[in-house]
């Protein structure tokens, strides 16, 4: 079956190849990695090493053998600081706040004279573009691309990162297919294997990333942060920021009519509400339908476009409410009180790992289990909001 799926993902018919590639990642790769179970991570290494051999000609045994070496935590002990530190993007916005930003924070503190270079998509870099020490090396990665297209980035990475007196920090990036693809000499490569590190604990990824940064670079106080360029809009005091985005993973949504009833409940408080329409498409339609159902006197402002300006406004809000998505990690990093409605998790460990954690603001997680009705989810969300002082 695996070989059939790989064959389909390598089809010369581009639309068919993209569909099969999406299936390969959604049905096999992501469940193995989202489990955060060492046994299944090892199975991913075994399977995807064979994929890399088939597509890129890399020896599967050597790929897996190298992975065993680079996954070991080792202390940075070089006498001189590097001229440049390349930090790979995790590709998804939420992961770059929850994980990558922690490592960026540690590296900025550990190497005050080094260039810190974020390698990844522009929209992700924009979360840190306001920081005068973080430079950008643009590199895109299409999550809807074919298998060949996703792996093609490997050949570009080596020359881009192969600068003298530099190191590479990989936070478990899709640019290297979670550490499998070699992009520089192993002694210059520092790999945070987020799926296995701290396997005995139930800590969230932000906490584990900080612990790894302490183990490797000796920085004890790394934490999530964001530094977008300042948003032009000034929201009214007491604004509640809302996102109904799920990153195209519909399993993260609560059953209808939860979203409409949630927005009615928030609007009834009289507080100004800022809601993101996302990148368009299905999410935008859902948000517009919800807004249209609200009373005309509701104080709701909808925004669309790049995520970073919305992230800056989340950081200045009174409260954030949303699903398991990038917004929750932004709120946590900024210390904004938040309620996250967490659905679609495949294991308890996945929920533990992706719990938002950051600057110490109160976090309420509404755990949505299979079979819960919209009314039940709303009930628990209401209780969470009351804990944060929204209810009279």
Protein backbone atom coordinates (compact mmCIF):
# COMPACT_ATOMS: atom_id res chain seq x y z
CA UNK A 1 0.00 0.00 0.00
CA UNK A 2 2.83 2.39 0.87
CA UNK A 3 4.52 1.82 -2.46
CA UNK A 4 1.22 2.40 -4.27
CA UNK A 5 0.75 5.70 -2.45
CA UNK A 6 4.30 6.79 -3.25
CA UNK A 7 3.81 5.78 -6.89
CA UNK A 8 0.69 7.94 -7.04
CA UNK A 9 2.49 10.85 -5.36
CA UNK A 10 5.19 10.67 -8.05
CA UNK A 11 2.73 10.54 -10.93
CA UNK A 12 3.53 12.73 -13.96
CA UNK A 13 -0.07 13.94 -13.71
CA UNK A 14 0.52 16.98 -11.47
CA UNK A 15 -3.00 17.33 -10.00
CA UNK A 16 -3.09 13.61 -9.24
CA UNK A 17 0.42 13.76 -7.74
CA UNK A 18 -0.58 16.64 -5.47
CA UNK A 19 -3.71 14.82 -4.28
CA UNK A 20 -1.77 11.65 -3.56
CA UNK A 21 0.99 13.63 -1.81
CA UNK A 22 -1.57 15.33 0.42
CA UNK A 23 -2.98 11.91 1.27
CA UNK A 24 0.50 10.53 2.02
CA UNK A 25 1.14 13.30 4.55
CA UNK A 26 -2.37 13.53 6.01
CA UNK A 27 -3.04 9.80 6.33
CA UNK A 28 0.42 8.46 7.16
CA UNK A 29 3.15 10.98 7.92
CA UNK A 30 1.24 13.43 10.14
CA UNK A 31 -0.52 10.80 12.31
CA UNK A 32 2.84 9.13 12.99
CA UNK A 33 4.42 12.44 13.99
CA UNK A 34 1.44 13.92 15.83
CA UNK A 35 1.38 10.93 18.14
CA UNK A 36 4.54 12.15 19.93
CA UNK A 37 5.26 8.49 20.65
CA UNK A 38 8.90 7.39 20.16
CA UNK A 39 7.86 4.05 18.64
CA UNK A 40 5.80 5.75 15.94
CA UNK A 41 8.44 8.40 15.36
CA UNK A 42 10.89 5.59 14.64
CA UNK A 43 8.38 4.12 12.20
CA UNK A 44 8.18 7.51 10.46
CA UNK A 45 11.98 7.53 10.13
CA UNK A 46 11.93 4.05 8.63
CA UNK A 47 9.17 4.87 6.14
CA UNK A 48 10.27 8.33 5.10
CA UNK A 49 13.89 7.26 4.71
CA UNK A 50 12.61 4.92 2.03
CA UNK A 51 10.66 7.78 0.47
CA UNK A 52 13.81 9.92 0.37
CA UNK A 53 15.71 7.05 -1.23
CA UNK A 54 13.05 6.65 -3.89
CA UNK A 55 12.77 10.36 -4.72
CA UNK A 56 16.22 11.78 -3.97
CA UNK A 57 18.49 8.77 -4.26
CA UNK A 58 19.60 8.96 -0.62
CA UNK A 59 20.48 5.59 0.86
CA UNK A 60 17.66 4.74 3.29
CA UNK A 61 19.93 2.94 5.76
CA UNK A 62 22.43 5.80 5.84
CA UNK A 63 19.60 8.34 6.26
CA UNK A 64 18.18 6.47 9.24
CA UNK A 65 21.66 5.94 10.70
CA UNK A 66 22.44 9.65 10.48
CA UNK A 67 19.12 10.45 12.12
CA UNK A 68 20.08 8.36 15.14
CA UNK A 69 23.20 10.51 15.49
CA UNK A 70 21.71 13.96 15.06
CA UNK A 71 18.70 13.31 17.32
CA UNK A 72 21.07 13.04 20.29
CA UNK A 73 21.18 16.20 22.42
CA UNK A 74 24.66 17.68 22.50
CA UNK A 75 26.00 20.85 24.10
CA UNK A 76 27.32 23.71 21.98
CA UNK A 77 30.96 23.85 23.00
CA UNK A 78 32.75 25.68 20.20
CA UNK A 79 35.21 28.24 21.54
CA UNK A 80 34.15 31.03 19.18
CA UNK A 81 30.61 32.15 18.49
CA UNK A 82 29.37 31.68 14.92
CA UNK A 83 29.08 34.61 12.53
CA UNK A 84 25.63 33.41 11.49
CA UNK A 85 22.99 31.18 13.05
CA UNK A 86 20.39 29.86 10.61
CA UNK A 87 17.07 28.92 12.21
CA UNK A 88 14.67 26.90 10.08
CA UNK A 89 10.96 27.67 10.04
CA UNK A 90 8.46 25.07 11.20
CA UNK A 91 6.30 26.28 8.23
CA UNK A 92 3.04 26.53 10.18
CA UNK A 93 2.52 29.88 11.90
CA UNK A 94 1.45 28.43 15.23
CA UNK A 95 4.48 26.16 15.46
CA UNK A 96 6.82 29.04 14.64
CA UNK A 97 5.41 30.95 17.62
CA UNK A 98 5.16 27.98 20.01
CA UNK A 99 8.51 26.39 19.14
CA UNK A 100 10.74 28.33 16.74
CA UNK A 101 10.36 31.62 18.60
CA UNK A 102 11.62 29.98 21.80
CA UNK A 103 14.81 28.93 20.02
CA UNK A 104 15.15 32.36 18.42
CA UNK A 105 14.90 33.93 21.87
CA UNK A 106 17.59 31.61 23.22
CA UNK A 107 19.92 32.25 20.29
CA UNK A 108 19.51 36.03 20.47
CA UNK A 109 20.59 35.83 24.13
CA UNK A 110 23.37 33.28 23.63
CA UNK A 111 24.97 34.90 20.57
CA UNK A 112 24.63 38.69 20.94
CA UNK A 113 27.12 39.41 18.14
CA UNK A 114 25.95 36.77 15.64
CA UNK A 115 23.55 37.24 12.75
CA UNK A 116 20.33 35.36 13.50
CA UNK A 117 18.71 34.33 10.23
CA UNK A 118 15.15 32.99 9.98
CA UNK A 119 14.85 30.61 7.02
CA UNK A 120 11.33 30.17 5.70
CA UNK A 121 8.24 31.78 4.20
CA UNK A 122 7.75 35.54 4.31
CA UNK A 123 4.43 35.32 6.19
CA UNK A 124 6.17 33.43 9.01
CA UNK A 125 9.12 35.81 9.16
CA UNK A 126 6.69 38.74 9.47
CA UNK A 127 5.95 37.54 13.03
CA UNK A 128 9.53 38.59 13.90
CA UNK A 129 10.19 41.29 11.29
CA UNK A 130 10.13 44.07 13.88
CA UNK A 131 13.25 42.71 15.61
CA UNK A 132 16.39 44.45 14.44
CA UNK A 133 18.62 41.40 14.86
CA UNK A 134 16.56 38.79 13.01
CA UNK A 135 17.24 38.67 9.28
CA UNK A 136 15.26 36.73 6.70
CA UNK A 137 16.33 34.13 4.17
CA UNK A 138 13.20 33.52 2.06
CA UNK A 139 12.31 29.92 1.31
CA UNK A 140 8.81 28.71 0.55
CA UNK A 141 7.29 25.31 1.24
CA UNK A 142 3.97 24.38 -0.30
CA UNK A 143 1.82 22.26 1.98
CA UNK A 144 -0.35 21.50 -1.04
CA UNK A 145 2.62 20.72 -3.29
CA UNK A 146 3.53 17.34 -4.72
CA UNK A 147 5.99 15.05 -2.96
CA UNK A 148 8.71 15.94 -5.47
CA UNK A 149 8.11 19.65 -4.93
CA UNK A 150 8.23 19.30 -1.15
CA UNK A 151 11.53 17.47 -1.26
CA UNK A 152 13.06 19.73 -3.91
CA UNK A 153 13.87 22.32 -1.21
CA UNK A 154 16.60 20.02 0.06
CA UNK A 155 18.92 20.77 -2.83
CA UNK A 156 18.49 24.53 -2.35
CA UNK A 157 19.13 24.51 1.39
CA UNK A 158 22.73 23.29 1.38
CA UNK A 159 24.20 26.11 -0.75
CA UNK A 160 22.09 28.73 1.06
CA UNK A 161 23.25 27.67 4.51
CA UNK A 162 26.79 26.63 3.66
CA UNK A 163 28.46 29.78 4.91
CA UNK A 164 31.75 29.65 6.82
CA UNK A 165 31.54 30.07 10.60
CA UNK A 166 27.84 29.32 10.77
CA UNK A 167 25.55 26.81 12.46
CA UNK A 168 22.03 25.57 11.68
CA UNK A 169 19.29 25.12 14.30
CA UNK A 170 16.43 22.91 13.17
CA UNK A 171 13.26 22.96 15.34
CA UNK A 172 11.88 19.83 13.59
CA UNK A 173 11.22 21.59 10.30
CA UNK A 174 9.42 20.31 7.23
CA UNK A 175 12.24 21.94 5.22
CA UNK A 176 14.39 18.98 6.28
CA UNK A 177 11.44 16.57 6.57
CA UNK A 178 11.87 16.60 10.34
CA UNK A 179 15.62 16.23 10.34
CA UNK A 180 15.96 13.44 7.79
CA UNK A 181 17.59 15.47 5.01
CA UNK A 182 21.22 16.52 5.59
CA UNK A 183 21.80 20.20 4.83
CA UNK A 184 25.18 20.87 6.44
CA UNK A 185 27.94 18.95 8.25
CA UNK A 186 26.50 17.19 11.28
CA UNK A 187 28.84 19.00 13.68
CA UNK A 188 27.26 22.33 12.64
CA UNK A 189 23.68 21.07 12.95
CA UNK A 190 21.57 21.28 16.12
CA UNK A 191 18.30 19.39 15.94
CA UNK A 192 15.41 19.72 18.37
CA UNK A 193 13.46 16.51 17.90
CA UNK A 194 10.21 17.86 19.27
CA UNK A 195 8.36 14.56 18.83
CA UNK A 196 10.57 12.56 21.22
CA UNK A 197 12.39 15.05 23.43
CA UNK A 198 10.97 14.92 26.95
CA UNK A 199 8.91 11.86 26.04
CA UNK A 200 8.29 10.96 29.69
CA UNK A 201 6.64 14.32 30.42
CA UNK A 202 3.31 15.89 29.51
CA UNK A 203 4.81 19.36 29.03
CA UNK A 204 3.78 21.55 26.09
CA UNK A 205 6.16 22.11 23.20
CA UNK A 206 7.08 25.64 24.29
CA UNK A 207 8.33 24.31 27.62
CA UNK A 208 10.23 21.46 25.96
CA UNK A 209 11.85 23.84 23.47
CA UNK A 210 13.04 26.05 26.33
CA UNK A 211 14.45 23.02 28.15
CA UNK A 212 16.27 21.88 25.01
CA UNK A 213 17.71 25.38 24.54
CA UNK A 214 19.05 25.20 28.10
CA UNK A 215 20.55 21.76 27.49
CA UNK A 216 22.21 22.75 24.22
CA UNK A 217 23.00 26.47 24.46
CA UNK A 218 22.94 27.05 28.22
CA UNK A 219 20.13 29.63 28.06
CA UNK A 220 17.79 29.06 31.00
CA UNK A 221 15.04 31.61 30.36
CA UNK A 222 14.04 31.22 26.70
CA UNK A 223 10.35 31.73 26.05
CA UNK A 224 7.92 32.22 23.15
CA UNK A 225 7.77 35.72 21.70
CA UNK A 226 6.73 37.61 18.61
CA UNK A 227 7.88 40.92 17.24
CA UNK A 228 5.81 41.89 14.20
CA UNK A 229 6.03 45.35 12.77
CA UNK A 230 3.47 47.50 14.54
CA UNK A 231 -0.09 47.26 13.26
CA UNK A 232 -1.55 50.59 12.16
CA UNK A 233 -5.01 49.96 13.59
CA UNK A 234 -5.70 50.98 17.19
CA UNK A 235 -8.47 48.83 18.66
CA UNK A 236 -10.79 50.06 21.44
CA UNK A 237 -9.82 49.18 25.01
CA UNK A 238 -11.17 45.82 26.13
CA UNK A 239 -11.20 44.27 22.66
CA UNK A 240 -11.77 40.51 22.43
CA UNK A 241 -9.79 38.91 19.59
CA UNK A 242 -11.37 35.86 17.94
CA UNK A 243 -10.19 33.39 15.31
CA UNK A 244 -12.27 30.54 13.93
CA UNK A 245 -9.42 29.30 11.74
CA UNK A 246 -8.46 25.62 11.79
CA UNK A 247 -5.70 25.48 9.18
CA UNK A 248 -7.93 23.51 6.79
CA UNK A 249 -8.24 20.72 9.37
CA UNK A 250 -12.00 20.55 9.83
CA UNK A 251 -11.62 18.04 12.67
CA UNK A 252 -10.53 21.00 14.81
CA UNK A 253 -13.96 22.64 14.52
CA UNK A 254 -16.70 22.23 17.10
CA UNK A 255 -20.10 21.08 15.79
CA UNK A 256 -22.49 23.66 14.33
CA UNK A 257 -24.00 25.96 15.51
CA UNK A 258 -21.24 26.44 18.10
CA UNK A 259 -19.47 29.28 16.27
CA UNK A 260 -22.63 31.35 15.83
CA UNK A 261 -23.68 30.83 19.44
CA UNK A 262 -20.17 31.63 20.69
CA UNK A 263 -20.15 34.93 18.80
CA UNK A 264 -23.66 35.75 20.06
CA UNK A 265 -22.47 35.14 23.61
CA UNK A 266 -19.39 37.34 23.16
CA UNK A 267 -21.37 40.10 21.40
CA UNK A 268 -23.91 40.12 24.25
CA UNK A 269 -21.18 41.32 26.62
CA UNK A 270 -21.05 44.62 24.70
CA UNK A 271 -17.29 44.32 24.33
CA UNK A 272 -15.66 45.24 21.00
CA UNK A 273 -14.77 42.10 19.06
CA UNK A 274 -12.03 41.72 16.48
CA UNK A 275 -12.41 38.60 14.33
CA UNK A 276 -10.05 37.30 11.65
CA UNK A 277 -11.44 36.13 8.30
CA UNK A 278 -8.29 34.14 7.67
CA UNK A 279 -6.78 33.65 4.25
CA UNK A 280 -10.15 33.45 2.51
CA UNK A 281 -12.12 30.54 1.09
CA UNK A 282 -14.14 28.37 3.44
CA UNK A 283 -12.99 30.14 6.62
CA UNK A 284 -13.96 33.54 5.29
CA UNK A 285 -17.42 32.26 4.34
CA UNK A 286 -17.97 30.83 7.83
CA UNK A 287 -16.93 34.07 9.51
CA UNK A 288 -19.11 36.21 7.24
CA UNK A 289 -22.13 33.99 7.89
CA UNK A 290 -21.60 34.24 11.64
CA UNK A 291 -21.26 38.03 11.52
CA UNK A 292 -24.40 38.34 9.39
CA UNK A 293 -26.39 36.46 12.06
CA UNK A 294 -25.46 38.85 14.87
CA UNK A 295 -27.61 41.79 16.05
CA UNK A 296 -26.89 44.97 14.12
CA UNK A 297 -25.63 46.80 17.19
CA UNK A 298 -22.87 44.23 17.78
CA UNK A 299 -19.43 45.82 18.01
CA UNK A 300 -17.69 43.46 15.62
CA UNK A 301 -14.78 44.32 13.33
CA UNK A 302 -13.63 41.73 10.79
CA UNK A 303 -10.12 41.77 9.35
CA UNK A 304 -8.43 39.81 6.58
CA UNK A 305 -5.02 39.63 5.00
CA UNK A 306 -1.57 38.74 6.40
CA UNK A 307 -1.53 37.11 9.80
CA UNK A 308 1.22 39.20 11.43
CA UNK A 309 -0.84 42.42 11.73
CA UNK A 310 -3.67 40.43 13.32
CA UNK A 311 -1.13 38.81 15.66
CA UNK A 312 0.00 42.28 16.77
CA UNK A 313 -3.61 43.15 17.57
CA UNK A 314 -4.11 39.89 19.49
CA UNK A 315 -1.12 40.88 21.62
CA UNK A 316 -2.89 44.14 22.58
CA UNK A 317 -6.30 42.59 23.21
CA UNK A 318 -8.06 41.95 26.51
CA UNK A 319 -8.87 38.32 25.69
CA UNK A 320 -8.39 35.80 22.90
CA UNK A 321 -10.87 33.06 21.96
CA UNK A 322 -10.32 30.48 19.23
CA UNK A 323 -9.59 26.96 18.16
CA UNK A 324 -6.25 25.13 18.34
CA UNK A 325 -4.43 27.38 15.85
CA UNK A 326 -1.77 30.06 15.56
CA UNK A 327 -3.78 32.68 17.45
CA UNK A 328 -3.71 30.76 20.73
CA UNK A 329 0.10 30.62 20.67
CA UNK A 330 0.33 34.33 19.88
CA UNK A 331 -1.94 35.13 22.83
CA UNK A 332 0.06 32.87 25.14
CA UNK A 333 3.36 34.40 24.03
CA UNK A 334 1.97 37.89 24.71
CA UNK A 335 0.50 36.94 28.09
CA UNK A 336 -3.06 37.63 26.91
CA UNK A 337 -5.76 35.61 28.73
CA UNK A 338 -7.15 33.03 26.35
CA UNK A 339 -9.72 30.33 25.82
CA UNK A 340 -8.83 27.66 23.29
CA UNK A 341 -11.42 25.17 22.06
CA UNK A 342 -9.32 22.06 21.43
CA UNK A 343 -10.85 19.44 19.15
CA UNK A 344 -9.58 16.86 16.69
CA UNK A 345 -6.59 15.71 18.73
CA UNK A 346 -5.53 12.16 17.92
CA UNK A 347 -4.03 11.42 21.33
CA UNK A 348 -3.81 12.90 24.82
CA UNK A 349 -0.12 13.51 24.22
CA UNK A 350 -0.95 15.65 21.18
CA UNK A 351 -3.24 17.82 23.31
CA UNK A 352 -0.54 18.09 25.98
CA UNK A 353 2.13 19.10 23.49
CA UNK A 354 0.11 21.76 21.67
CA UNK A 355 -1.35 23.39 24.77
CA UNK A 356 -0.50 27.10 24.58
CA UNK A 357 2.16 28.25 27.03
CA UNK A 358 4.16 31.42 27.20
CA UNK A 359 4.29 34.58 29.28
CA UNK A 360 2.16 33.32 32.15
CA UNK A 361 -1.25 34.70 31.21
CA UNK A 362 -4.24 32.56 32.22
CA UNK A 363 -5.06 29.79 29.74
CA UNK A 364 -8.34 27.86 29.67
CA UNK A 365 -8.48 24.78 27.43
CA UNK A 366 -11.92 23.49 26.43
CA UNK A 367 -11.35 19.83 25.67
CA UNK A 368 -13.76 18.66 22.94
CA UNK A 369 -14.17 14.90 22.78
CA UNK A 370 -15.89 12.82 20.16
CA UNK A 371 -19.68 12.96 20.37
CA UNK A 372 -19.94 16.26 22.24
CA UNK A 373 -22.75 18.48 21.01
CA UNK A 374 -22.47 22.17 20.15
CA UNK A 375 -24.42 22.94 23.33
CA UNK A 376 -21.99 21.03 25.49
CA UNK A 377 -18.98 22.74 23.92
CA UNK A 378 -20.64 26.12 24.42
CA UNK A 379 -21.39 25.28 28.06
CA UNK A 380 -17.75 24.48 28.82
CA UNK A 381 -16.59 27.52 26.84
CA UNK A 382 -18.93 29.71 28.90
CA UNK A 383 -17.47 28.28 32.11
CA UNK A 384 -13.96 28.99 30.82
CA UNK A 385 -14.88 32.57 29.95
CA UNK A 386 -16.38 33.03 33.41
CA UNK A 387 -13.11 31.88 34.99
CA UNK A 388 -11.40 34.68 33.09
CA UNK A 389 -13.89 37.24 34.36
CA UNK A 390 -15.93 37.83 31.20
CA UNK A 391 -19.27 36.83 32.71
CA UNK A 392 -21.15 39.15 35.02
